[in-house]
Amino acid sequence: MAKAPSVYSVRLDTLTTAYGAEYFRDAFARFVVGFKNPDFTRRQVERAAEDFFLPFQTVSVYHKIKFWNEDPLGREDNSDVLDVVHVKPGYSNRHGRTFGGRFDTVIVNDGTGQHSGIKGYRIGQVRVVFSLSERIRGHIFPGEKPSFHLAYVEWFSKFPNSPEPNHRMYKISRPEESFVSIIPVGNIRRSVHLFPQFGPVAPREWTSATVLEQCKKFYVSPWSDRYAYVTIR
């Protein structure tokens, strides 16, 4: 992570309108309750989160996460693979030209994932990477504190038990209702490339900036680099 945020003091309303983090407040409340009460069931977390008061209105935001992935086979003579996750809203330059946002997809370790294989992992789209001031962190977490860098993630469906038989890629989909969480950035393993599931004809309205929202079903590609080829299987 960069030492300094890309943008300081981003309002929570801006996280919704510019970054698409529509349920940030609810997700953060669940994160706080779950962190302080790790033995709570999901229902208990939901109930307790309803009473949580958000003591801030701005966060510092980061537009990139960089990873150096070591050679997946442990060969010391091979160079590491640089992997970058982009999390940036659309903008207009000084000439009035508009550029679409970019919110990359990642593979996330739920705490049980191993070096290879998809067990213990899930695909998500990162909408915001952020941090809180030390004053706010101390207020919310007076004792043990979570990771400094946190991410707001929209989840895809869980990996199926096996890949598709013809091309050996795993098929995932977006839930009908958004399922979101706030997680430590350290839980993110790497970026991941998704192929849209096309029908007989690719819809013309799909673009690189909109396809992740407009398409509902995807295949997880293991061919973006050698690290993905070994680990996503």
Foldseek 3Di string as FASTA:
>chain_A
DDPAFPDWWDFPVCLCVFLVLVCVLLQVLLVLQCVVPVPDDPVRSNVNSVPDDDPDGTWGFHFKDWDFADQLVPDPVDGTDIAMFGAFGWDADPVRDTDGTHWFKFKFACPPDDSAECVRIFIWTWRTKTFHDPVSQCVSPVDDGDARIKTKTWTWDGWDPFPDPPPRWTKIWHDPDTDIHMDHPVRTDGTWDKAADDDPDRDPPDDPRCCVPPGTMTTTDQVPDSSSVGHYD
